[in-house]
Amino acid sequence: MSMDPRTRSQLLALSDAFYRAHAVAFDVSRGHHAWPGWQRLLEWLPTPDSTRATADQRLTVLDIGCGNARLVPFLDNAGFGLAYTGVDANAALLLAARERLKERPGDDCQLIHQDFLACDLPGDRLPGGPFRLIAIMGVLHHVPGRDWRLRLLQAAALRLARGGILALATWQFADRARFARRRVAWSELGPVLGEEVDVGCLEDGDALLRFGDDPKRPPRYCHQVADAEFEAWPEQLGLESLAEYRSDGAQGDLNRYRVLVRR
């Protein structure tokens, strides 16, 4: 079932307002530290030595919703030669990414300012690839509607090279006291958006969460992906699931990961 277009547009506008208000603080909070769950991705990537032989054999990467591009130093530290493309909708986060990557050769890192959700088919304007690694980390909880999350993943799958890896993570914030204290009522969105959100059009798992302690700044729209939706993705995408696991956070289960391959 498709989400109501007006509700989807409101939630996307809220995400845009949130990141414009919080981009600097978000960059500082994330730094360049890799999530612990990323370490397991190395099990399914080619050995670093095999990607350094020639420019054509570098690990081609598409980082969807790249933020400050912290995936780059993670892969650097693992020994990979990269041909990296990061795409993000927020100009301030991309500016931070460019500053941190400015010492790199010009041909191995490309950063693209693009709102890949602001189109009729989400992800339709992403770079064409093919890519040997496509990462969607910290993104899917901001994509409103089950249909749009699937369409974004389908756009990613279409850009995978044969044998390429699609790595994704979904945030598990529901039923956790830390985030329950930061919940915001949907009725509070009126002053932020200038109009009310029809709560009857929302999905189970949709929520509003405050970032930091400033009540005057806009909250963020978040969605916790249901188990049934998460488990259906490999078949829907026509990809083989290599692994599914949980990692990150104090309890080691704050993100749920899926690693998929195009055979």
Protein backbone atom coordinates (compact mmCIF):
# COMPACT_ATOMS: atom_id res chain seq x y z
CA MET A 1 0.00 0.00 0.00
CA SER A 2 1.33 3.43 -0.97
CA MET A 3 1.62 6.29 1.52
CA ASP A 4 -0.54 9.32 0.88
CA PRO A 5 1.56 11.72 -1.30
CA ARG A 6 0.73 14.77 0.83
CA THR A 7 1.82 13.02 4.03
CA ARG A 8 5.00 11.79 2.35
CA SER A 9 5.78 15.32 1.16
CA GLN A 10 5.31 16.66 4.70
CA LEU A 11 7.65 14.07 6.19
CA LEU A 12 10.31 14.74 3.56
CA ALA A 13 10.01 18.48 4.25
CA LEU A 14 10.48 17.77 7.94
CA SER A 15 13.66 15.76 7.26
CA ASP A 16 15.00 18.62 5.14
CA ALA A 17 14.26 21.13 7.91
CA PHE A 18 15.84 18.87 10.52
CA TYR A 19 19.14 18.45 8.69
CA ARG A 20 19.35 22.13 7.80
CA ALA A 21 18.97 22.95 11.51
CA HIS A 22 21.23 20.20 12.87
CA ALA A 23 23.84 19.56 10.17
CA VAL A 24 26.83 20.95 12.09
CA ALA A 25 25.91 19.19 15.34
CA PHE A 26 25.18 15.99 13.44
CA ASP A 27 28.59 16.11 11.76
CA VAL A 28 30.32 16.61 15.10
CA SER A 29 28.37 13.80 16.77
CA ARG A 30 29.24 11.34 14.02
CA GLY A 31 32.82 12.44 13.38
CA HIS A 32 34.67 9.87 11.28
CA HIS A 33 34.07 6.97 13.62
CA ALA A 34 32.80 3.82 11.94
CA TRP A 35 29.95 1.88 13.46
CA PRO A 36 31.13 -1.46 14.88
CA GLY A 37 28.72 -3.25 12.53
CA TRP A 38 30.69 -2.02 9.51
CA GLN A 39 33.61 -4.21 10.46
CA ARG A 40 31.72 -7.33 9.48
CA LEU A 41 31.21 -5.99 5.95
CA LEU A 42 34.88 -6.65 5.27
CA GLU A 43 34.16 -10.40 5.32
CA TRP A 44 32.32 -10.11 2.00
CA LEU A 45 34.43 -7.55 0.16
CA PRO A 46 37.36 -8.48 -2.10
CA THR A 47 40.74 -8.56 -0.39
CA PRO A 48 42.28 -5.06 -0.34
CA ASP A 49 45.37 -6.09 -2.33
CA SER A 50 43.24 -7.09 -5.32
CA THR A 51 41.76 -3.56 -5.59
CA ARG A 52 45.07 -1.71 -5.69
CA ALA A 53 46.61 -3.21 -8.83
CA THR A 54 45.22 -0.68 -11.32
CA ALA A 55 42.78 2.21 -11.28
CA ASP A 56 40.19 -0.01 -12.97
CA GLN A 57 40.40 -2.51 -10.12
CA ARG A 58 39.71 -0.07 -7.29
CA LEU A 59 36.70 -0.79 -5.10
CA THR A 60 33.89 1.20 -6.70
CA VAL A 61 31.58 2.50 -3.97
CA LEU A 62 28.22 4.28 -3.98
CA ASP A 63 27.40 5.71 -0.56
CA ILE A 64 23.71 6.71 -0.56
CA GLY A 65 23.08 9.35 2.09
CA CYS A 66 26.80 9.68 2.69
CA GLY A 67 26.65 12.60 5.15
CA ASN A 68 30.24 13.53 6.03
CA ALA A 69 31.59 10.53 4.06
CA ARG A 70 32.93 8.70 7.11
CA LEU A 71 32.75 5.46 5.14
CA VAL A 72 35.88 6.60 3.26
CA PRO A 73 38.35 6.53 6.18
CA PHE A 74 36.86 3.21 7.30
CA LEU A 75 37.64 1.64 3.91
CA ASP A 76 40.98 3.45 3.76
CA ASN A 77 42.00 1.95 7.09
CA ALA A 78 41.01 -1.48 5.80
CA GLY A 79 43.52 -1.02 2.95
CA PHE A 80 41.21 -0.52 -0.03
CA GLY A 81 41.96 1.55 -3.07
CA LEU A 82 38.73 3.44 -3.78
CA ALA A 83 36.68 4.96 -6.52
CA TYR A 84 34.10 6.49 -4.18
CA THR A 85 30.86 8.34 -4.97
CA GLY A 86 28.91 9.84 -2.09
CA VAL A 87 25.44 11.31 -2.53
CA ASP A 88 23.60 13.44 0.02
CA ALA A 89 20.82 16.02 0.12
CA ASN A 90 22.44 18.25 2.74
CA ALA A 91 24.95 20.82 1.49
CA ALA A 92 26.47 21.46 4.93
CA LEU A 93 27.28 17.79 5.51
CA LEU A 94 28.80 17.56 2.03
CA LEU A 95 30.91 20.62 2.79
CA ALA A 96 32.26 18.84 5.87
CA ALA A 97 32.92 15.77 3.72
CA ARG A 98 34.83 17.82 1.11
CA GLU A 99 36.93 19.43 3.81
CA ARG A 100 37.91 16.09 5.28
CA LEU A 101 38.63 14.51 1.90
CA LYS A 102 40.47 17.47 0.34
CA GLU A 103 43.90 15.79 0.53
CA ARG A 104 42.79 12.82 -1.55
CA PRO A 105 43.45 12.52 -5.31
CA GLY A 106 40.71 14.17 -7.33
CA ASP A 107 39.76 11.03 -9.24
CA ASP A 108 39.03 8.69 -6.34
CA CYS A 109 36.31 10.61 -4.44
CA GLN A 110 33.25 12.27 -5.93
CA LEU A 111 30.61 13.99 -3.80
CA ILE A 112 27.21 14.78 -5.31
CA HIS A 113 24.63 17.16 -3.84
CA GLN A 114 21.34 15.45 -4.68
CA ASP A 115 18.05 14.84 -2.91
CA PHE A 116 17.58 11.27 -4.13
CA LEU A 117 14.09 11.15 -2.58
CA ALA A 118 12.79 14.31 -4.25
CA CYS A 119 11.61 12.66 -7.45
CA ASP A 120 8.75 10.51 -8.72
CA LEU A 121 10.79 7.34 -8.20
CA PRO A 122 13.22 7.55 -5.27
CA GLY A 123 16.80 6.86 -6.29
CA ASP A 124 16.00 7.26 -9.99
CA ARG A 125 18.67 9.98 -10.43
CA LEU A 126 21.45 8.21 -8.55
CA PRO A 127 24.71 7.66 -10.50
CA GLY A 128 24.43 4.72 -12.85
CA GLY A 129 27.33 2.53 -11.77
CA PRO A 130 27.92 -0.35 -11.79
CA PHE A 131 29.35 -0.40 -8.25
CA ARG A 132 31.01 -3.21 -6.33
CA LEU A 133 29.77 -1.85 -3.00
CA ILE A 134 26.61 0.16 -2.36
CA ALA A 135 26.01 1.32 1.20
CA ILE A 136 22.75 2.64 2.65
CA MET A 137 23.57 3.42 6.27
CA GLY A 138 21.47 5.64 8.54
CA VAL A 139 19.09 6.43 5.68
CA LEU A 140 16.15 4.04 5.51
CA HIS A 141 14.58 5.28 8.75
CA HIS A 142 14.11 8.67 7.05
CA VAL A 143 12.35 7.25 3.97
CA PRO A 144 8.56 7.63 4.38
CA GLY A 145 6.47 4.72 3.17
CA ARG A 146 7.16 1.04 2.69
CA ASP A 147 6.76 1.43 -1.07
CA TRP A 148 9.41 4.16 -1.25
CA ARG A 149 11.88 2.26 0.87
CA LEU A 150 11.56 -0.68 -1.52
CA ARG A 151 11.90 1.56 -4.58
CA LEU A 152 15.08 3.12 -3.21
CA LEU A 153 16.54 -0.33 -2.56
CA GLN A 154 15.52 -1.43 -6.07
CA ALA A 155 17.33 1.59 -7.52
CA ALA A 156 20.42 0.57 -5.55
CA ALA A 157 20.17 -3.07 -6.66
CA LEU A 158 20.01 -1.99 -10.32
CA ARG A 159 23.36 -0.24 -9.89
CA LEU A 160 25.21 -3.25 -8.47
CA ALA A 161 27.96 -4.86 -10.49
CA ARG A 162 27.81 -8.62 -10.93
CA GLY A 163 29.11 -9.98 -7.66
CA GLY A 164 28.57 -6.57 -6.05
CA ILE A 165 27.51 -6.08 -2.43
CA LEU A 166 24.55 -4.07 -1.15
CA ALA A 167 24.97 -3.31 2.56
CA LEU A 168 22.15 -1.67 4.52
CA ALA A 169 21.32 -0.90 8.12
CA THR A 170 17.99 -0.13 9.78
CA TRP A 171 17.77 1.72 13.09
CA GLN A 172 16.14 -0.12 16.02
CA PHE A 173 14.98 2.77 18.21
CA ALA A 174 11.51 1.63 19.28
CA ASP A 175 10.88 0.50 22.87
CA ARG A 176 14.15 1.99 24.11
CA ALA A 177 14.01 4.33 27.09
CA ARG A 178 16.72 6.60 25.69
CA PHE A 179 14.63 7.47 22.65
CA ALA A 180 11.24 7.28 24.35
CA ARG A 181 12.26 10.39 26.30
CA ARG A 182 12.89 12.21 23.02
CA ARG A 183 9.56 11.40 21.39
CA VAL A 184 7.53 14.33 20.10
CA ALA A 185 3.77 14.35 19.57
CA TRP A 186 2.60 14.63 15.98
CA SER A 187 0.37 17.52 17.03
CA GLU A 188 3.51 19.62 17.59
CA LEU A 189 4.37 19.62 13.86
CA GLY A 190 1.87 22.32 12.94
CA PRO A 191 4.17 25.28 13.76
CA VAL A 192 7.13 23.56 12.07
CA LEU A 193 5.42 22.69 8.78
CA GLY A 194 2.69 25.32 8.79
CA GLU A 195 0.06 22.59 8.51
CA GLU A 196 -1.12 19.53 10.39
CA VAL A 197 -0.10 15.99 9.51
CA ASP A 198 -2.94 13.50 9.00
CA VAL A 199 -1.90 10.87 11.53
CA GLY A 200 -4.32 8.43 9.92
CA CYS A 201 -2.00 8.26 6.90
CA LEU A 202 1.08 7.31 8.93
CA GLU A 203 2.53 3.79 9.10
CA ASP A 204 3.10 1.69 12.18
CA GLY A 205 6.66 2.42 13.17
CA ASP A 206 6.57 6.13 12.25
CA ALA A 207 7.77 8.46 15.00
CA LEU A 208 9.09 11.93 15.74
CA LEU A 209 12.30 12.19 17.77
CA ARG A 210 14.08 15.21 19.18
CA PHE A 211 17.82 15.51 18.51
CA GLY A 212 19.54 17.20 21.44
CA ASP A 213 17.71 19.21 24.07
CA ASP A 214 16.61 22.31 22.17
CA PRO A 215 12.79 22.20 21.89
CA LYS A 216 12.79 25.07 19.38
CA ARG A 217 14.57 23.08 16.68
CA PRO A 218 12.58 20.72 14.44
CA PRO A 219 12.43 17.04 15.39
CA ARG A 220 13.31 14.29 12.95
CA TYR A 221 10.94 11.89 11.26
CA CYS A 222 12.01 8.29 11.87
CA HIS A 223 10.61 4.90 10.97
CA GLN A 224 11.51 1.54 12.45
CA VAL A 225 11.28 -1.07 9.71
CA ALA A 226 9.08 -4.02 10.66
CA ASP A 227 10.54 -7.52 10.68
CA ALA A 228 8.29 -8.70 7.84
CA GLU A 229 9.35 -5.83 5.58
CA PHE A 230 13.05 -6.33 6.35
CA GLU A 231 12.87 -10.07 5.73
CA ALA A 232 11.07 -9.62 2.38
CA TRP A 233 13.75 -7.43 0.79
CA PRO A 234 16.15 -10.10 -0.57
CA GLU A 235 13.43 -11.81 -2.62
CA GLN A 236 11.88 -8.50 -3.71
CA LEU A 237 15.27 -7.25 -4.90
CA GLY A 238 16.32 -10.48 -6.58
CA LEU A 239 19.52 -10.57 -4.52
CA GLU A 240 21.07 -13.28 -2.38
CA SER A 241 21.34 -12.59 1.33
CA LEU A 242 24.84 -13.25 2.65
CA ALA A 243 24.24 -12.17 6.23
CA GLU A 244 21.78 -10.57 8.63
CA TYR A 245 23.00 -9.39 12.02
CA ARG A 246 22.63 -6.74 14.72
CA SER A 247 25.32 -4.45 16.04
CA ASP A 248 26.14 -0.99 17.44
CA GLY A 249 25.07 0.93 20.50
CA ALA A 250 25.67 0.10 24.14
CA GLN A 251 23.82 -3.22 23.86
CA GLY A 252 25.25 -4.17 20.48
CA ASP A 253 21.88 -4.28 18.70
CA LEU A 254 20.96 -0.69 17.80
CA ASN A 255 21.18 -1.35 14.05
CA ARG A 256 19.96 -4.33 12.07
CA TYR A 257 22.15 -5.10 9.07
CA ARG A 258 21.61 -7.00 5.84
CA VAL A 259 24.39 -7.86 3.37
CA LEU A 260 23.18 -8.81 -0.13
CA VAL A 261 24.99 -9.86 -3.29
CA ARG A 262 24.14 -9.86 -7.00
CA ARG A 263 25.20 -13.24 -8.35
